[in-house]
Amino acid sequence: QVQLVESGGGLVQAGGSLRLSCAASGRTLAIYIIAWFRQAPGKEREFVAAITRSAGSAYYKDSVKDRFTISRDNAKNTVYLQMNILKPEDTAVYYCAADATSAFIRRGGNDYDYWGQGTQVTVSS
């Protein structure tokens, strides 16, 4: 079983940048598809981005596609989410999640087996 810990959240002004990290322990991260989800107050959790095991492919929510970049360093057992040109609507708790079994990226939260505790991202206008 893998344990996931997110970090890097904080308060930033609109137009700014943050880099979130998702560090794994317990098992190698290389065997998992990793995704980032977010949940804003009063809203449902939504898919943000995901990356395949080999980092050969990545997929994004349309509204973040040109601003966010997901990457992974399997040697460091860490996945990153670089977030640029942040907007107030990006404010949410961001979670990383690991999919142990799928052969391809899925966007549904129920497809992911392990979750971190989340990190708060707040973007002020």
Protein backbone atom coordinates (compact mmCIF):
# COMPACT_ATOMS: atom_id res chain seq x y z
CA GLN A 1 0.00 0.00 0.00
CA VAL A 2 1.25 3.46 -0.87
CA GLN A 3 0.91 6.58 1.26
CA LEU A 4 0.63 9.94 -0.49
CA VAL A 5 1.44 13.34 0.99
CA GLU A 6 0.77 16.59 -0.84
CA SER A 7 2.62 19.82 -0.19
CA GLY A 8 3.22 23.18 -1.80
CA GLY A 9 -0.17 24.78 -1.41
CA GLY A 10 -0.65 28.30 -0.14
CA LEU A 11 -2.02 31.75 -0.80
CA VAL A 12 -1.08 33.45 -4.06
CA GLN A 13 -2.35 36.41 -6.04
CA ALA A 14 -4.10 35.93 -9.36
CA GLY A 15 -1.55 35.48 -12.11
CA GLY A 16 0.93 33.85 -9.77
CA SER A 17 2.35 30.34 -9.67
CA LEU A 18 2.59 27.42 -7.29
CA ARG A 19 4.13 23.98 -7.57
CA LEU A 20 2.41 21.16 -5.74
CA SER A 21 4.24 17.98 -4.84
CA CYS A 22 2.86 14.53 -4.14
CA ALA A 23 5.39 12.39 -2.32
CA ALA A 24 4.89 8.66 -1.98
CA SER A 25 6.07 6.22 0.64
CA GLY A 26 5.49 2.56 1.25
CA ARG A 27 5.73 1.50 -2.38
CA THR A 28 7.33 2.80 -5.51
CA LEU A 29 5.26 5.42 -7.26
CA ALA A 30 6.29 4.06 -10.64
CA ILE A 31 3.59 1.39 -10.64
CA TYR A 32 0.75 3.90 -10.36
CA ILE A 33 -1.05 6.25 -12.65
CA ILE A 34 -1.16 9.49 -10.66
CA ALA A 35 -3.81 12.17 -10.86
CA TRP A 36 -4.55 15.48 -9.26
CA PHE A 37 -8.10 16.31 -8.25
CA ARG A 38 -9.47 19.39 -6.54
CA GLN A 39 -12.50 20.29 -4.51
CA ALA A 40 -13.72 23.82 -3.93
CA PRO A 41 -16.11 24.68 -1.10
CA GLY A 42 -19.64 23.63 -1.95
CA LYS A 43 -18.57 21.93 -5.16
CA GLU A 44 -17.94 18.37 -6.20
CA ARG A 45 -14.44 17.00 -6.52
CA GLU A 46 -13.13 17.34 -10.07
CA PHE A 47 -10.34 15.89 -12.14
CA VAL A 48 -7.48 18.27 -12.87
CA ALA A 49 -4.66 16.30 -14.48
CA ALA A 50 -3.11 12.86 -14.64
CA ILE A 51 0.07 11.23 -15.86
CA THR A 52 0.85 7.72 -16.98
CA ARG A 53 3.32 5.46 -15.21
CA SER A 54 6.15 6.16 -17.64
CA ALA A 55 5.25 9.87 -17.94
CA GLY A 56 4.64 9.21 -21.62
CA SER A 57 1.23 10.84 -21.58
CA ALA A 58 -0.61 13.44 -19.55
CA TYR A 59 -4.19 14.66 -19.62
CA TYR A 60 -5.74 17.83 -18.30
CA LYS A 61 -9.04 19.42 -17.49
CA ASP A 62 -9.75 21.85 -20.33
CA SER A 63 -9.68 24.94 -18.13
CA VAL A 64 -6.15 24.26 -16.90
CA LYS A 65 -4.63 22.76 -20.03
CA ASP A 66 -2.50 25.76 -21.01
CA ARG A 67 -1.60 26.76 -17.45
CA PHE A 68 -0.86 23.58 -15.48
CA THR A 69 1.79 20.93 -16.08
CA ILE A 70 1.91 17.54 -14.41
CA SER A 71 5.21 15.70 -14.21
CA ARG A 72 6.78 12.89 -12.26
CA ASP A 73 10.17 11.83 -11.01
CA ASN A 74 9.91 8.15 -10.27
CA ALA A 75 13.42 8.09 -8.85
CA LYS A 76 12.29 10.61 -6.22
CA ASN A 77 8.90 8.93 -5.82
CA THR A 78 7.24 12.28 -6.42
CA VAL A 79 4.69 13.77 -8.79
CA TYR A 80 4.41 17.50 -9.37
CA LEU A 81 1.74 19.90 -10.52
CA GLN A 82 3.13 23.18 -11.76
CA MET A 83 0.36 25.75 -11.76
CA ASN A 84 0.88 29.02 -13.60
CA ILE A 85 -1.36 32.01 -14.30
CA LEU A 86 -3.51 31.05 -11.35
CA LYS A 87 -7.07 32.33 -11.20
CA PRO A 88 -9.44 32.76 -8.25
CA GLU A 89 -11.51 29.89 -9.63
CA ASP A 90 -8.52 27.59 -9.07
CA THR A 91 -9.03 27.98 -5.32
CA ALA A 92 -9.62 24.53 -3.84
CA VAL A 93 -8.12 21.72 -1.84
CA TYR A 94 -5.90 19.76 -4.20
CA TYR A 95 -5.50 16.01 -3.79
CA CYS A 96 -3.20 13.54 -5.47
CA ALA A 97 -4.46 10.03 -6.10
CA ALA A 98 -2.95 6.76 -7.29
CA ASP A 99 -4.48 4.19 -9.61
CA ALA A 100 -2.90 0.78 -9.22
CA THR A 101 -4.82 -1.24 -11.76
CA SER A 102 -5.94 0.74 -14.82
CA ALA A 103 -4.07 0.41 -18.08
CA PHE A 104 -4.95 3.95 -19.10
CA ILE A 105 -5.82 7.26 -17.45
CA ARG A 106 -9.27 7.57 -15.95
CA ARG A 107 -10.89 10.80 -14.83
CA GLY A 108 -13.28 9.43 -12.24
CA GLY A 109 -12.31 9.68 -8.60
CA ASN A 110 -13.75 6.24 -7.89
CA ASP A 111 -11.12 4.73 -10.19
CA TYR A 112 -8.31 5.73 -7.86
CA ASP A 113 -7.24 3.53 -5.00
CA TYR A 114 -5.14 5.76 -2.77
CA TRP A 115 -5.46 9.43 -1.83
CA GLY A 116 -3.44 12.02 -0.01
CA GLN A 117 -4.83 14.34 2.65
CA GLY A 118 -4.92 17.39 0.39
CA THR A 119 -3.26 20.78 0.28
CA GLN A 120 -5.11 24.09 0.19
CA VAL A 121 -4.58 26.46 -2.72
CA THR A 122 -6.09 29.92 -2.39
CA VAL A 123 -5.89 32.45 -5.22
CA SER A 124 -6.80 36.02 -4.35
CA SER A 125 -8.13 38.45 -6.93
